[in-house]
C-alpha atoms as a PDB file:
ATOM      1  CA  MET A   1      80.721 -88.246 101.864  1.00  0.00           C
ATOM      2  CA  LYS A   2      79.017 -87.503 105.178  1.00  0.00           C
ATOM      3  CA  ILE A   3      81.003 -87.497 108.416  1.00  0.00           C
ATOM      4  CA  THR A   4      79.535 -87.213 111.902  1.00  0.00           C
ATOM      5  CA  LYS A   5      81.602 -86.798 115.050  1.00  0.00           C
ATOM      6  CA  PHE A   6      80.514 -88.183 118.395  1.00  0.00           C
ATOM      7  CA  VAL A   7      82.112 -86.406 121.374  1.00  0.00           C
ATOM      8  CA  HIS A   8      85.773 -87.432 121.087  1.00  0.00           C
ATOM      9  CA  ALA A   9      87.574 -89.577 118.507  1.00  0.00           C
ATOM     10  CA  CYS A  10      84.537 -91.470 117.188  1.00  0.00           C
ATOM     11  CA  LEU A  11      83.581 -90.662 113.594  1.00  0.00           C
ATOM     12  CA  LEU A  12      80.755 -92.112 111.514  1.00  0.00           C
ATOM     13  CA  VAL A  13      81.827 -92.033 107.856  1.00  0.00           C
ATOM     14  CA  GLU A  14      79.095 -92.545 105.271  1.00  0.00           C
ATOM     15  CA  GLY A  15      80.306 -93.008 101.702  1.00  0.00           C
ATOM     16  CA  GLU A  16      78.167 -93.642  98.655  1.00  0.00           C
ATOM     17  CA  GLN A  17      78.369 -97.424  99.025  1.00  0.00           C
ATOM     18  CA  ARG A  18      79.942 -98.037 102.422  1.00  0.00           C
ATOM     19  CA  VAL A  19      79.627 -96.936 106.032  1.00  0.00           C
ATOM     20  CA  GLY A  20      82.352 -97.105 108.660  1.00  0.00           C
ATOM     21  CA  LEU A  21      82.654 -96.160 112.324  1.00  0.00           C
ATOM     22  CA  PHE A  22      86.005 -95.130 113.781  1.00  0.00           C
ATOM     23  CA  ASP A  23      87.009 -95.656 117.407  1.00  0.00           C
ATOM     24  CA  PRO A  24      83.763 -96.369 119.308  1.00  0.00           C
ATOM     25  CA  GLY A  25      85.047 -95.308 122.710  1.00  0.00           C
ATOM     26  CA  VAL A  26      83.597 -94.809 126.164  1.00  0.00           C
ATOM     27  CA  TYR A  27      83.115 -91.035 125.927  1.00  0.00           C
ATOM     28  CA  SER A  28      81.195 -91.386 122.679  1.00  0.00           C
ATOM     29  CA  TYR A  29      78.940 -94.267 123.709  1.00  0.00           C
ATOM     30  CA  PRO A  30      76.206 -92.253 125.493  1.00  0.00           C
ATOM     31  CA  ALA A  31      75.888 -89.867 122.531  1.00  0.00           C
ATOM     32  CA  PHE A  32      75.525 -92.526 119.837  1.00  0.00           C
ATOM     33  CA  ASP A  33      72.031 -93.837 119.074  1.00  0.00           C
ATOM     34  CA  ILE A  34      72.630 -97.229 117.468  1.00  0.00           C
ATOM     35  CA  ALA A  35      68.885 -97.625 116.814  1.00  0.00           C
ATOM     36  CA  LYS A  36      69.082 -94.809 114.259  1.00  0.00           C
ATOM     37  CA  LEU A  37      71.963 -96.403 112.350  1.00  0.00           C
ATOM     38  CA  ALA A  38      70.648 -98.214 109.270  1.00  0.00           C
ATOM     39  CA  LYS A  39      73.910 -99.634 107.928  1.00  0.00           C
ATOM     40  CA  LEU A  40      77.417-100.417 109.171  1.00  0.00           C
ATOM     41  CA  ASP A  41      79.993-102.126 106.969  1.00  0.00           C
ATOM     42  CA  ASP A  42      83.160-101.423 108.975  1.00  0.00           C
ATOM     43  CA  ILE A  43      84.259-100.795 112.539  1.00  0.00           C
ATOM     44  CA  LEU A  44      87.757 -99.313 112.549  1.00  0.00           C
ATOM     45  CA  ILE A  45      89.761 -99.238 115.782  1.00  0.00           C
ATOM     46  CA  THR A  46      93.158 -97.546 116.008  1.00  0.00           C
ATOM     47  CA  HIS A  47      94.265 -98.849 119.435  1.00  0.00           C
ATOM     48  CA  ASN A  48      93.090-100.354 122.685  1.00  0.00           C
ATOM     49  CA  HIS A  49      92.603 -97.362 124.977  1.00  0.00           C
ATOM     50  CA  GLN A  50      89.077 -97.142 126.384  1.00  0.00           C
ATOM     51  CA  ASP A  51      88.387 -93.769 124.780  1.00  0.00           C
ATOM     52  CA  HIS A  52      88.861 -95.522 121.407  1.00  0.00           C
ATOM     53  CA  ILE A  53      87.323 -98.924 122.103  1.00  0.00           C
ATOM     54  CA  TYR A  54      84.634 -99.527 124.693  1.00  0.00           C
ATOM     55  CA  MET A  55      83.549-103.134 124.693  1.00  0.00           C
ATOM     56  CA  PRO A  56      79.832-102.565 125.498  1.00  0.00           C
ATOM     57  CA  PHE A  57      79.705-100.142 122.547  1.00  0.00           C
ATOM     58  CA  VAL A  58      81.306-102.674 120.207  1.00  0.00           C
ATOM     59  CA  LYS A  59      79.041-105.470 121.446  1.00  0.00           C
ATOM     60  CA  ASP A  60      75.940-103.384 120.823  1.00  0.00           C
ATOM     61  CA  LEU A  61      77.121-102.562 117.299  1.00  0.00           C
ATOM     62  CA  VAL A  62      77.903-106.195 116.501  1.00  0.00           C
ATOM     63  CA  ALA A  63      74.562-107.328 117.916  1.00  0.00           C
ATOM     64  CA  LYS A  64      72.762-105.132 115.383  1.00  0.00           C
ATOM     65  CA  PHE A  65      75.256-105.602 112.534  1.00  0.00           C
ATOM     66  CA  PRO A  66      76.704-109.127 112.898  1.00  0.00           C
ATOM     67  CA  ASN A  67      78.335-109.032 109.465  1.00  0.00           C
ATOM     68  CA  THR A  68      80.259-105.814 110.010  1.00  0.00           C
ATOM     69  CA  ARG A  69      84.005-106.091 109.436  1.00  0.00           C
ATOM     70  CA  ILE A  70      86.175-105.013 112.374  1.00  0.00           C
ATOM     71  CA  THR A  71      89.697-103.846 111.584  1.00  0.00           C
ATOM     72  CA  ALA A  72      92.122-103.231 114.435  1.00  0.00           C
ATOM     73  CA  PRO A  73      95.703-103.803 115.667  1.00  0.00           C
ATOM     74  CA  GLY A  74      96.634-107.335 116.673  1.00  0.00           C
ATOM     75  CA  GLU A  75      96.287-106.807 120.407  1.00  0.00           C
ATOM     76  CA  VAL A  76      92.777-105.412 119.909  1.00  0.00           C
ATOM     77  CA  VAL A  77      91.907-108.367 117.662  1.00  0.00           C
ATOM     78  CA  ASP A  78      92.979-110.672 120.504  1.00  0.00           C
ATOM     79  CA  GLN A  79      90.946-108.662 123.013  1.00  0.00           C
ATOM     80  CA  LEU A  80      87.856-108.917 120.833  1.00  0.00           C
ATOM     81  CA  LYS A  81      88.435-112.618 120.226  1.00  0.00           C
ATOM     82  CA  SER A  82      88.386-113.212 123.992  1.00  0.00           C
ATOM     83  CA  GLU A  83      84.888-111.687 123.943  1.00  0.00           C
ATOM     84  CA  GLY A  84      83.763-113.918 121.063  1.00  0.00           C
ATOM     85  CA  ILE A  85      83.981-111.156 118.446  1.00  0.00           C
ATOM     86  CA  SER A  86      85.799-111.677 115.143  1.00  0.00           C
ATOM     87  CA  ALA A  87      88.176-109.006 113.841  1.00  0.00           C
ATOM     88  CA  THR A  88      91.171-108.676 111.549  1.00  0.00           C
ATOM     89  CA  SER A  89      94.483-106.836 111.591  1.00  0.00           C
ATOM     90  CA  SER A  90      94.778-107.035 107.793  1.00  0.00           C
ATOM     91  CA  GLN A  91      94.176-104.333 105.214  1.00  0.00           C
ATOM     92  CA  SER A  92      91.315-104.800 102.785  1.00  0.00           C
ATOM     93  CA  GLU A  93      89.620-102.984  99.936  1.00  0.00           C
ATOM     94  CA  GLY A  94      88.996 -99.427 101.041  1.00  0.00           C
ATOM     95  CA  ILE A  95      91.106 -99.825 104.183  1.00  0.00           C
ATOM     96  CA  ARG A  96      94.813 -98.993 104.132  1.00  0.00           C
ATOM     97  CA  PHE A  97      97.151 -98.563 107.070  1.00  0.00           C
ATOM     98  CA  PHE A  98      99.769 -95.888 107.535  1.00  0.00           C
ATOM     99  CA  ASN A  99     102.512 -95.459 110.099  1.00  0.00           C
ATOM    100  CA  SER A 100     101.012 -93.546 113.007  1.00  0.00           C
ATOM    101  CA  PRO A 101     102.627 -94.620 116.293  1.00  0.00           C
ATOM    102  CA  HIS A 102     100.905 -93.816 119.554  1.00  0.00           C
ATOM    103  CA  GLU A 103     102.634 -90.936 121.301  1.00  0.00           C
ATOM    104  CA  SER A 104     104.425 -91.735 124.523  1.00  0.00           C
ATOM    105  CA  THR A 105     102.257 -92.030 127.610  1.00  0.00           C
ATOM    106  CA  GLU A 106     105.061 -93.332 129.812  1.00  0.00           C
ATOM    107  CA  PRO A 107     105.567 -93.481 132.729  1.00  0.00           C
ATOM    108  CA  LEU A 108     101.810 -93.284 133.362  1.00  0.00           C
ATOM    109  CA  PHE A 109     100.713 -95.938 130.855  1.00  0.00           C
ATOM    110  CA  PRO A 110     102.347 -98.438 128.501  1.00  0.00           C
ATOM    111  CA  ILE A 111     102.340 -97.510 124.822  1.00  0.00           C
ATOM    112  CA  PRO A 112      99.817 -99.607 122.857  1.00  0.00           C
ATOM    113  CA  GLN A 113      99.979-100.956 119.341  1.00  0.00           C
ATOM    114  CA  GLU A 114      98.370 -98.457 116.995  1.00  0.00           C
ATOM    115  CA  ILE A 115      97.454 -98.208 113.325  1.00  0.00           C
ATOM    116  CA  GLY A 116      96.635 -95.139 111.314  1.00  0.00           C
ATOM    117  CA  ILE A 117      93.815 -95.889 108.886  1.00  0.00           C
ATOM    118  CA  HIS A 118      93.010 -94.430 105.460  1.00  0.00           C
ATOM    119  CA  TYR A 119      89.352 -95.172 104.703  1.00  0.00           C
ATOM    120  CA  LEU A 120      87.782 -95.241 101.241  1.00  0.00           C
ATOM    121  CA  ASP A 121      90.796 -93.303  99.924  1.00  0.00           C
ATOM    122  CA  LYS A 122      89.204 -90.150 101.373  1.00  0.00           C
ATOM    123  CA  ILE A 123      89.737 -89.823 105.114  1.00  0.00           C
ATOM    124  CA  SER A 124      92.673 -90.517 107.426  1.00  0.00           C
ATOM    125  CA  HIS A 125      92.365 -91.245 111.160  1.00  0.00           C
ATOM    126  CA  PRO A 126      95.730 -91.358 112.972  1.00  0.00           C
ATOM    127  CA  GLY A 127      94.532 -92.437 116.423  1.00  0.00           C
ATOM    128  CA  ASP A 128      96.621 -90.880 119.190  1.00  0.00           C
ATOM    129  CA  SER A 129      99.481 -89.544 117.115  1.00  0.00           C
ATOM    130  CA  HIS A 130     101.107 -86.390 115.852  1.00  0.00           C
ATOM    131  CA  SER A 131     103.981 -88.459 114.407  1.00  0.00           C
ATOM    132  CA  PHE A 132     102.672 -89.373 110.967  1.00  0.00           C
ATOM    133  CA  ASN A 133     103.593 -87.955 107.569  1.00  0.00           C
ATOM    134  CA  GLU A 134     100.713 -88.699 105.211  1.00  0.00           C
ATOM    135  CA  THR A 135      97.013 -88.026 104.881  1.00  0.00           C
ATOM    136  CA  LYS A 136      94.166 -88.257 102.429  1.00  0.00           C
ATOM    137  CA  GLU A 137      92.189 -85.113 101.594  1.00  0.00           C
ATOM    138  CA  ILE A 138      90.229 -85.321 104.863  1.00  0.00           C
ATOM    139  CA  LEU A 139      92.266 -85.469 108.058  1.00  0.00           C
ATOM    140  CA  ALA A 140      90.796 -86.352 111.445  1.00  0.00           C
ATOM    141  CA  LEU A 141      93.184 -84.274 113.547  1.00  0.00           C
ATOM    142  CA  PRO A 142      93.756 -84.985 117.260  1.00  0.00           C
ATOM    143  CA  MET A 143      93.530 -81.588 118.948  1.00  0.00           C
ATOM    144  CA  THR A 144      94.651 -82.083 122.534  1.00  0.00           C
ATOM    145  CA  ALA A 145      95.635 -84.885 124.906  1.00  0.00           C
ATOM    146  CA  PRO A 146      97.972 -85.705 127.792  1.00  0.00           C
ATOM    147  CA  TRP A 147     100.376 -86.934 125.088  1.00  0.00           C
ATOM    148  CA  GLY A 148     100.038 -84.055 122.603  1.00  0.00           C
ATOM    149  CA  ALA A 149      99.795 -80.313 122.136  1.00  0.00           C
ATOM    150  CA  SER A 150      97.403 -78.239 120.039  1.00  0.00           C
ATOM    151  CA  ILE A 151     100.220 -76.247 118.446  1.00  0.00           C
ATOM    152  CA  LYS A 152     101.821 -79.505 117.301  1.00  0.00           C
ATOM    153  CA  ALA A 153      98.468 -80.439 115.745  1.00  0.00           C
ATOM    154  CA  LEU A 154      98.231 -77.098 113.964  1.00  0.00           C
ATOM    155  CA  ASN A 155     101.761 -77.334 112.574  1.00  0.00           C
ATOM    156  CA  LEU A 156     101.086 -80.880 111.410  1.00  0.00           C
ATOM    157  CA  ALA A 157      98.065 -79.704 109.426  1.00  0.00           C
ATOM    158  CA  LEU A 158     100.193 -76.974 107.860  1.00  0.00           C
ATOM    159  CA  GLU A 159     102.857 -79.519 106.930  1.00  0.00           C
ATOM    160  CA  LEU A 160     100.553 -82.184 105.457  1.00  0.00           C
ATOM    161  CA  LYS A 161      98.093 -79.754 103.855  1.00  0.00           C
ATOM    162  CA  PRO A 162      94.875 -81.807 103.718  1.00  0.00           C
ATOM    163  CA  LYS A 163      91.930 -80.144 102.004  1.00  0.00           C
ATOM    164  CA  TYR A 164      89.744 -80.620 105.063  1.00  0.00           C
ATOM    165  CA  VAL A 165      90.341 -81.004 108.797  1.00  0.00           C
ATOM    166  CA  ILE A 166      87.863 -82.522 111.239  1.00  0.00           C
ATOM    167  CA  PRO A 167      88.899 -82.039 114.883  1.00  0.00           C
ATOM    168  CA  ILE A 168      88.926 -85.110 117.118  1.00  0.00           C
ATOM    169  CA  HIS A 169      90.305 -86.084 120.519  1.00  0.00           C
ATOM    170  CA  ASP A 170      89.194 -82.979 122.406  1.00  0.00           C
ATOM    171  CA  TRP A 171      87.047 -84.369 125.240  1.00  0.00           C
ATOM    172  CA  HIS A 172      89.646 -82.984 127.652  1.00  0.00           C
ATOM    173  CA  TRP A 173      88.705 -79.375 126.872  1.00  0.00           C
ATOM    174  CA  HIS A 174      86.074 -77.360 128.673  1.00  0.00           C
ATOM    175  CA  GLU A 175      83.311 -76.538 126.184  1.00  0.00           C
ATOM    176  CA  GLU A 176      84.140 -72.830 126.071  1.00  0.00           C
ATOM    177  CA  ALA A 177      87.810 -73.605 125.460  1.00  0.00           C
ATOM    178  CA  ARG A 178      86.925 -76.098 122.722  1.00  0.00           C
ATOM    179  CA  LYS A 179      84.835 -73.595 120.824  1.00  0.00           C
ATOM    180  CA  GLY A 180      87.492 -70.932 121.175  1.00  0.00           C
ATOM    181  CA  MET A 181      90.207 -73.211 119.844  1.00  0.00           C
ATOM    182  CA  TYR A 182      87.995 -74.353 116.984  1.00  0.00           C
ATOM    183  CA  GLN A 183      87.511 -70.740 115.944  1.00  0.00           C
ATOM    184  CA  GLY A 184      91.228 -70.054 116.139  1.00  0.00           C
ATOM    185  CA  PHE A 185      92.108 -73.122 114.052  1.00  0.00           C
ATOM    186  CA  LYS A 186      89.391 -72.305 111.528  1.00  0.00           C
ATOM    187  CA  ASN A 187      90.502 -68.708 111.067  1.00  0.00           C
ATOM    188  CA  PHE A 188      94.157 -69.628 110.696  1.00  0.00           C
ATOM    189  CA  LEU A 189      93.864 -72.729 108.510  1.00  0.00           C
ATOM    190  CA  GLU A 190      91.403 -71.219 106.091  1.00  0.00           C
ATOM    191  CA  LYS A 191      93.996 -68.542 105.302  1.00  0.00           C
ATOM    192  CA  GLN A 192      96.208 -71.461 104.238  1.00  0.00           C
ATOM    193  CA  GLY A 193      93.517 -72.949 101.987  1.00  0.00           C
ATOM    194  CA  ILE A 194      92.517 -75.691 104.453  1.00  0.00           C
ATOM    195  CA  SER A 195      88.864 -76.018 105.464  1.00  0.00           C
ATOM    196  CA  PHE A 196      88.371 -76.637 109.183  1.00  0.00           C
ATOM    197  CA  PHE A 197      85.008 -77.950 110.363  1.00  0.00           C
ATOM    198  CA  GLU A 198      83.797 -76.934 113.813  1.00  0.00           C
ATOM    199  CA  ALA A 199      82.381 -80.405 114.420  1.00  0.00           C
ATOM    200  CA  GLU A 200      79.540 -80.789 116.897  1.00  0.00           C
ATOM    201  CA  THR A 201      78.379 -84.149 118.219  1.00  0.00           C
ATOM    202  CA  GLY A 202      75.705 -85.742 116.056  1.00  0.00           C
ATOM    203  CA  GLN A 203      75.704 -83.020 113.389  1.00  0.00           C
ATOM    204  CA  PRO A 204      76.671 -84.429 109.975  1.00  0.00           C
ATOM    205  CA  ILE A 205      79.309 -82.721 107.833  1.00  0.00           C
ATOM    206  CA  ASP A 206      78.842 -83.099 104.078  1.00  0.00           C
ATOM    207  CA  ILE A 207      82.029 -83.117 101.975  1.00  0.00           C
ATOM    208  CA  ASN A 208      81.610 -83.464  98.217  1.00  0.00           C
END
């Protein structure tokens, strides 16, 4: 499996037979070259915040791949429908949901519907949550946010013990801080038998 991060929470997941894109948000849009993408079977959206779904990004993807399946929470399905784009809030082969509620953003913002998604029985993307209790062998781990702390993320990885961790949701960090935290997570988690990938935008990670 090959996984490529784009800036924030957007991950391109390329399996042997199937390709999916998680959370095509506004921060990731400028870094993603759709012209270079040869195949897209699934678009997977965890919730309706703009850093996880940016409508021009989705429209460009659908224009090139009109048969791609979009899986999202009900309120995102309705949002897409209003734009003439079909989507589903149902599980399907290779796509399983898990309980991963969005952390509280009140009183600044209302809390959206959110789904955690297991994809191809290999990778788990929890959206904006540190309040989930399951993962596949690869965990996309939110690192920092107004709603969450890095130490909570680290302790969650220790509790769930995935084989591999790919950091996501770290646009809020200055670049020097991001690299420093990556190194700290990597050094600590690898002592616990967990591989941490210092993901850089557009650079594929191969996991066999």
